[in-house]
N, C-alpha and C. Protein backbone atom coordinates (compact mmCIF):
# COMPACT_ATOMS: atom_id res chain seq x y z
N UNK A 1 95.68 80.88 114.54
CA UNK A 1 96.19 82.28 113.82
C UNK A 1 97.22 81.99 113.05
N UNK A 2 97.26 82.59 111.84
CA UNK A 2 98.30 82.48 110.84
C UNK A 2 99.52 83.23 111.40
N UNK A 3 100.76 82.56 110.95
CA UNK A 3 102.07 83.27 111.27
C UNK A 3 102.41 84.10 110.06
N UNK A 4 103.24 85.12 110.39
CA UNK A 4 103.55 86.10 109.34
C UNK A 4 104.00 85.38 108.16
N UNK A 5 104.49 84.28 108.11
CA UNK A 5 105.24 83.39 106.84
C UNK A 5 104.14 83.03 106.18
N UNK A 6 102.94 82.79 106.58
CA UNK A 6 101.91 82.17 106.03
C UNK A 6 100.94 83.30 105.15
N UNK A 7 101.14 84.46 105.52
CA UNK A 7 100.33 85.67 104.99
C UNK A 7 100.70 85.88 103.61
N UNK A 8 99.88 86.28 102.95
CA UNK A 8 100.26 86.69 101.21
C UNK A 8 100.86 88.19 101.38
N UNK A 9 102.14 88.37 100.85
CA UNK A 9 102.59 89.49 100.90
C UNK A 9 102.40 90.45 99.61
N UNK A 10 101.97 91.55 99.76
CA UNK A 10 101.61 92.67 98.81
C UNK A 10 102.83 93.77 98.89
N UNK A 11 103.59 93.88 97.67
CA UNK A 11 104.42 94.92 97.76
C UNK A 11 103.74 96.20 96.88
N UNK A 12 103.83 97.24 97.89
CA UNK A 12 103.21 98.64 97.22
C UNK A 12 104.37 99.57 97.01
N UNK A 13 104.33 99.89 95.67
CA UNK A 13 105.33 100.83 95.05
C UNK A 13 104.68 101.93 94.93
N UNK A 14 104.82 102.98 95.86
CA UNK A 14 104.19 104.22 95.91
C UNK A 14 105.03 105.15 96.49
N UNK A 15 105.22 106.47 95.95
CA UNK A 15 105.98 107.55 96.67
C UNK A 15 105.20 108.26 97.49
N UNK A 16 103.89 108.39 97.28
CA UNK A 16 102.99 109.20 98.17
C UNK A 16 102.74 108.54 99.48
N UNK A 17 103.40 108.86 100.48
CA UNK A 17 103.21 108.09 101.73
C UNK A 17 101.87 108.04 102.28
N UNK A 18 101.04 109.01 102.08
CA UNK A 18 99.56 108.83 102.59
C UNK A 18 98.76 108.00 101.79
N UNK A 19 99.08 107.69 100.44
CA UNK A 19 98.36 106.73 99.83
C UNK A 19 98.88 105.50 100.07
N UNK A 20 100.26 105.21 100.26
CA UNK A 20 100.80 103.88 100.47
C UNK A 20 100.49 103.42 101.98
N UNK A 21 100.26 104.33 103.03
CA UNK A 21 99.80 104.17 104.22
C UNK A 21 98.50 103.62 104.23
N UNK A 22 97.64 104.07 103.50
CA UNK A 22 96.24 103.88 103.32
C UNK A 22 96.06 102.49 102.79
N UNK A 23 96.78 102.22 101.84
CA UNK A 23 96.68 100.87 101.10
C UNK A 23 97.21 99.82 102.17
N UNK A 24 98.26 100.21 102.81
CA UNK A 24 98.76 99.21 103.90
C UNK A 24 97.71 98.96 104.96
N UNK A 25 97.09 99.84 105.43
CA UNK A 25 96.12 99.67 106.59
C UNK A 25 94.93 98.84 106.12
N UNK A 26 94.36 99.26 104.69
CA UNK A 26 93.32 98.57 104.32
C UNK A 26 93.67 97.07 104.12
N UNK A 27 94.66 96.85 103.56
CA UNK A 27 95.18 95.44 103.01
C UNK A 27 95.49 94.64 104.31
N UNK A 28 96.03 95.18 105.43
CA UNK A 28 96.46 94.57 106.54
C UNK A 28 95.13 94.10 107.33
N UNK A 29 94.14 94.93 107.32
CA UNK A 29 92.91 94.62 107.77
C UNK A 29 92.12 93.31 107.24
N UNK A 30 92.37 93.12 105.86
CA UNK A 30 91.92 92.03 105.15
C UNK A 30 92.95 90.80 105.15
N UNK A 31 93.84 90.66 106.05
CA UNK A 31 94.78 89.65 106.10
C UNK A 31 96.08 89.47 105.57
N UNK A 32 96.41 90.61 104.65
CA UNK A 32 97.69 90.63 104.04
C UNK A 32 98.80 91.22 104.70
N UNK A 33 99.97 91.00 104.37
CA UNK A 33 101.25 91.50 104.94
C UNK A 33 101.65 92.62 103.82
N UNK A 34 101.92 93.54 104.19
CA UNK A 34 102.28 94.72 103.15
C UNK A 34 103.72 95.36 103.62
N UNK A 35 104.43 95.50 102.27
CA UNK A 35 105.86 96.18 102.44
C UNK A 35 105.55 97.37 101.33
N UNK A 36 106.23 98.50 101.74
CA UNK A 36 105.96 99.69 100.98
C UNK A 36 107.33 100.11 100.33
N UNK A 37 107.47 100.35 99.18
CA UNK A 37 108.57 100.82 98.53
C UNK A 37 108.19 102.11 97.91
N UNK A 38 108.97 103.26 98.23
CA UNK A 38 108.91 104.70 97.47
C UNK A 38 109.89 104.97 96.59
N UNK A 39 110.77 104.02 96.23
CA UNK A 39 111.71 104.31 95.30
C UNK A 39 111.98 103.40 94.28
N UNK A 40 111.79 103.84 93.03
CA UNK A 40 112.11 102.63 91.93
C UNK A 40 113.21 101.85 91.95
N UNK A 41 114.22 102.58 92.33
CA UNK A 41 115.70 101.87 92.30
C UNK A 41 115.63 100.49 93.41
N UNK A 42 114.78 100.51 94.23
CA UNK A 42 114.86 99.68 95.40
C UNK A 42 113.89 98.44 95.19
N UNK A 43 113.01 98.60 94.09
CA UNK A 43 112.01 97.56 93.83
C UNK A 43 112.64 96.11 93.59
N UNK A 44 113.48 96.05 92.73
CA UNK A 44 114.13 94.88 92.30
C UNK A 44 114.52 94.17 93.67
N UNK A 45 115.34 94.97 94.49
CA UNK A 45 115.83 94.28 95.80
C UNK A 45 114.80 93.88 96.47
N UNK A 46 113.62 94.70 96.76
CA UNK A 46 112.69 94.29 97.72
C UNK A 46 112.04 93.05 97.13
N UNK A 47 111.83 92.89 95.86
CA UNK A 47 111.18 91.76 95.22
C UNK A 47 112.07 90.48 95.46
N UNK A 48 113.32 90.62 95.33
CA UNK A 48 114.20 89.43 95.82
C UNK A 48 114.13 89.09 97.21
N UNK A 49 114.18 90.20 98.01
CA UNK A 49 114.09 89.78 99.54
C UNK A 49 112.93 89.39 100.16
N UNK A 50 111.67 89.97 99.70
CA UNK A 50 110.43 89.50 100.22
C UNK A 50 109.60 88.64 99.38
N UNK A 51 109.82 88.53 98.17
CA UNK A 51 109.06 87.65 97.22
C UNK A 51 107.59 87.84 97.34
N UNK A 52 107.21 88.90 96.87
CA UNK A 52 105.76 89.31 97.02
C UNK A 52 104.79 88.48 96.30
N UNK A 53 103.59 88.22 96.74
CA UNK A 53 102.64 87.45 96.03
C UNK A 53 102.11 88.36 94.94
N UNK A 54 101.96 89.64 94.95
CA UNK A 54 101.48 90.56 94.16
C UNK A 54 102.16 92.10 94.31
N UNK A 55 102.29 92.79 93.37
CA UNK A 55 102.89 94.12 93.12
C UNK A 55 101.88 95.15 92.89
N UNK A 56 101.69 96.34 93.70
CA UNK A 56 100.89 97.22 93.38
C UNK A 56 101.73 98.36 92.85
N UNK A 57 101.76 98.86 91.68
CA UNK A 57 102.84 99.68 91.10
C UNK A 57 102.39 101.10 90.60
N UNK A 58 102.69 102.20 91.16
CA UNK A 58 102.44 103.56 90.85
C UNK A 58 103.26 103.89 89.60
N UNK A 59 102.70 104.35 88.60
CA UNK A 59 103.42 104.70 87.32
C UNK A 59 104.45 105.63 87.72
N UNK A 60 104.31 106.80 88.54
CA UNK A 60 105.23 107.71 88.53
C UNK A 60 105.88 107.74 89.85
N UNK A 61 107.09 107.17 89.83
CA UNK A 61 107.82 106.94 91.06
C UNK A 61 109.32 107.39 90.87
N UNK A 62 109.91 107.79 91.96
CA UNK A 62 111.37 108.41 91.65
C UNK A 62 112.32 107.31 91.42
N UNK A 63 113.28 107.44 90.60
CA UNK A 63 114.16 106.49 90.26
C UNK A 63 114.09 105.92 88.84
N UNK A 64 113.19 104.90 88.90
CA UNK A 64 112.75 104.21 87.65
C UNK A 64 111.33 104.20 87.65
N UNK A 65 110.66 104.53 86.56
CA UNK A 65 109.20 104.75 86.71
C UNK A 65 108.59 103.41 86.68
N UNK A 66 107.29 103.22 86.97
CA UNK A 66 106.39 102.14 87.00
C UNK A 66 106.54 101.37 85.61
N UNK A 67 106.56 101.80 84.61
CA UNK A 67 106.53 101.41 83.14
C UNK A 67 107.63 100.57 83.10
N UNK A 68 108.93 101.21 83.10
CA UNK A 68 110.22 100.61 83.06
C UNK A 68 110.33 99.44 84.03
N UNK A 69 109.92 99.57 85.33
CA UNK A 69 110.06 98.55 86.14
C UNK A 69 109.16 97.17 85.88
N UNK A 70 107.94 97.50 85.27
CA UNK A 70 107.03 96.47 85.04
C UNK A 70 107.48 95.61 83.95
N UNK A 71 108.05 96.34 82.91
CA UNK A 71 108.79 95.77 81.63
C UNK A 71 109.71 94.90 82.21
N UNK A 72 110.53 95.24 82.98
CA UNK A 72 111.84 94.63 83.60
C UNK A 72 111.38 93.41 84.26
N UNK A 73 110.42 93.57 85.19
CA UNK A 73 110.19 92.61 86.10
C UNK A 73 109.27 91.37 85.07
N UNK A 74 108.54 91.63 84.44
CA UNK A 74 108.03 90.83 83.51
C UNK A 74 108.70 90.08 82.51
N UNK A 75 110.04 90.75 82.05
CA UNK A 75 111.02 89.93 81.22
C UNK A 75 111.83 88.91 81.99
N UNK A 76 111.81 88.89 83.19
CA UNK A 76 112.80 87.99 83.88
C UNK A 76 112.01 86.78 84.29
N UNK A 77 112.48 85.51 84.08
CA UNK A 77 111.90 84.32 84.50
C UNK A 77 111.47 84.29 86.00
N UNK A 78 112.31 84.66 86.78
CA UNK A 78 112.09 84.64 88.19
C UNK A 78 110.77 85.44 88.69
N UNK A 79 110.54 86.56 88.02
CA UNK A 79 109.58 87.64 88.29
C UNK A 79 108.36 87.72 87.55
N UNK A 80 108.40 87.07 86.25
CA UNK A 80 107.29 87.31 85.25
C UNK A 80 105.96 86.90 85.76
N UNK A 81 105.84 85.87 86.65
CA UNK A 81 104.60 85.42 87.05
C UNK A 81 104.07 86.14 88.26
N UNK A 82 104.78 87.15 88.89
CA UNK A 82 104.30 87.94 90.03
C UNK A 82 103.36 88.86 89.34
N UNK A 83 101.91 88.99 89.74
CA UNK A 83 100.88 89.98 89.24
C UNK A 83 101.26 91.26 89.58
N UNK A 84 101.29 92.12 88.45
CA UNK A 84 101.52 93.69 88.69
C UNK A 84 100.44 94.30 88.47
N UNK A 85 99.82 95.14 89.27
CA UNK A 85 98.66 96.01 89.21
C UNK A 85 99.16 97.33 89.12
N UNK A 86 98.97 98.10 87.96
CA UNK A 86 99.49 99.45 87.90
C UNK A 86 98.28 100.57 88.55
N UNK A 87 98.92 101.53 89.13
CA UNK A 87 97.99 102.43 89.79
C UNK A 87 98.39 103.82 89.32
N UNK A 88 97.43 104.61 88.85
CA UNK A 88 97.80 105.91 88.29
C UNK A 88 96.52 106.51 88.03
N UNK A 89 96.49 107.93 87.83
CA UNK A 89 95.59 108.82 87.47
C UNK A 89 95.54 108.99 86.10
N UNK A 90 96.31 108.52 85.40
CA UNK A 90 96.38 108.72 84.06
C UNK A 90 95.19 108.05 83.27
N UNK A 91 94.70 108.65 82.36
CA UNK A 91 93.40 108.05 81.65
C UNK A 91 93.81 107.18 80.55
N UNK A 92 95.17 106.92 80.08
CA UNK A 92 95.53 106.01 79.09
C UNK A 92 95.92 104.81 79.85
N UNK A 93 95.77 104.45 81.06
CA UNK A 93 96.24 103.29 82.02
C UNK A 93 95.98 102.16 81.23
N UNK A 94 94.81 101.77 80.66
CA UNK A 94 94.62 100.52 80.20
C UNK A 94 95.48 100.12 78.99
N UNK A 95 95.81 101.11 78.30
CA UNK A 95 96.73 100.85 77.07
C UNK A 95 98.28 100.64 77.67
N UNK A 96 98.67 101.39 78.64
CA UNK A 96 99.88 101.04 79.35
C UNK A 96 99.95 99.63 79.76
N UNK A 97 98.94 99.28 80.47
CA UNK A 97 98.93 97.85 81.09
C UNK A 97 99.03 96.80 80.01
N UNK A 98 98.71 97.04 78.80
CA UNK A 98 98.71 95.96 77.73
C UNK A 98 100.11 95.95 77.22
N UNK A 99 100.58 97.34 77.00
CA UNK A 99 101.88 97.37 76.56
C UNK A 99 103.16 96.84 77.38
N UNK A 100 102.87 96.89 78.63
CA UNK A 100 103.90 96.63 79.64
C UNK A 100 103.72 95.08 80.17
N UNK A 101 102.78 94.48 79.73
CA UNK A 101 102.03 93.13 80.24
C UNK A 101 101.72 93.10 81.62
N UNK A 102 101.30 94.25 82.14
CA UNK A 102 100.99 94.20 83.66
C UNK A 102 99.62 93.32 83.60
N UNK A 103 99.16 93.05 84.92
CA UNK A 103 98.10 92.14 85.06
C UNK A 103 96.72 92.81 85.09
N UNK A 104 96.80 94.14 85.54
CA UNK A 104 95.53 94.91 85.70
C UNK A 104 95.82 96.24 85.97
N UNK A 105 94.91 97.19 86.45
CA UNK A 105 95.25 98.59 86.75
C UNK A 105 94.02 98.94 87.77
N UNK A 106 94.38 100.00 88.55
CA UNK A 106 93.47 100.67 89.42
C UNK A 106 93.59 102.07 89.44
N UNK A 107 92.61 102.61 88.77
CA UNK A 107 92.68 104.05 88.43
C UNK A 107 92.68 104.90 89.79
N UNK A 108 93.51 105.96 90.09
CA UNK A 108 93.23 106.90 91.06
C UNK A 108 92.24 107.94 90.74
N UNK A 109 91.45 108.57 91.55
CA UNK A 109 91.36 107.77 92.98
C UNK A 109 90.60 106.60 93.00
N UNK A 110 90.94 105.81 93.76
CA UNK A 110 90.28 104.47 93.75
C UNK A 110 89.42 104.23 95.02
N UNK A 111 88.52 103.34 94.81
CA UNK A 111 87.62 102.95 95.84
C UNK A 111 88.24 101.74 96.69
N UNK A 112 88.17 101.96 97.96
CA UNK A 112 88.81 101.04 98.76
C UNK A 112 88.34 99.36 98.70
N UNK A 113 87.02 99.33 98.29
CA UNK A 113 86.55 98.06 97.94
C UNK A 113 87.12 97.54 96.69
N UNK A 114 87.39 98.38 95.81
CA UNK A 114 88.15 97.94 94.48
C UNK A 114 89.34 97.60 94.67
N UNK A 115 90.20 98.36 95.57
CA UNK A 115 91.52 97.90 95.86
C UNK A 115 91.41 96.49 96.58
N UNK A 116 90.72 96.22 97.39
CA UNK A 116 90.71 94.75 98.07
C UNK A 116 90.26 93.65 97.10
N UNK A 117 89.38 94.23 96.27
CA UNK A 117 88.80 93.15 95.28
C UNK A 117 89.72 92.76 94.20
N UNK A 118 90.65 93.67 93.78
CA UNK A 118 91.57 93.35 92.72
C UNK A 118 92.74 92.63 93.47
N UNK A 119 93.27 92.73 94.56
CA UNK A 119 94.26 92.06 95.40
C UNK A 119 93.73 90.63 95.60
N UNK A 120 92.34 90.53 95.99
CA UNK A 120 91.94 89.28 96.31
C UNK A 120 91.88 88.50 95.00
N UNK A 121 91.41 89.13 93.93
CA UNK A 121 91.46 88.49 92.57
C UNK A 121 92.88 87.70 92.21
N UNK A 122 94.02 88.42 92.68
CA UNK A 122 95.12 87.59 92.31
C UNK A 122 95.72 86.66 93.55
N UNK A 123 95.38 87.09 94.81
CA UNK A 123 96.01 86.35 95.87
C UNK A 123 95.11 86.51 97.12
N UNK A 124 94.59 85.18 97.45
CA UNK A 124 93.67 85.14 98.71
C UNK A 124 94.50 85.26 99.95
N UNK A 125 94.05 86.02 100.80
CA UNK A 125 94.77 86.15 102.27
C UNK A 125 94.76 84.74 102.94
N UNK A 126 95.83 84.80 103.71
CA UNK A 126 96.02 83.34 104.55
C UNK A 126 94.84 83.25 105.50
């Protein structure tokens, strides 16, 4: 059985606790370790602390929005290679993804199988 250290870590940046918890439950069932951050201002600290394999980033979060955070993380040498998947109900999401150099997007409402598929694409569970 894998230890906690061998599991791939997903950082979920989402201020809606019901959505964040749903993502956490689904991904944990698929072998991922999940940390949730509901505040934009805490994201960089959590990235430093937990070194996630992938980040699922809501566009609209308190503090610093997902667009600014993604630009910031993608501009730093230490974090630019972490895949960031933007999550939003906005219909212009694909344009935002390109402009901030995110790695992909998941439109809300999303299918749970699509959630797992996109996370698996960027990191296989241990």
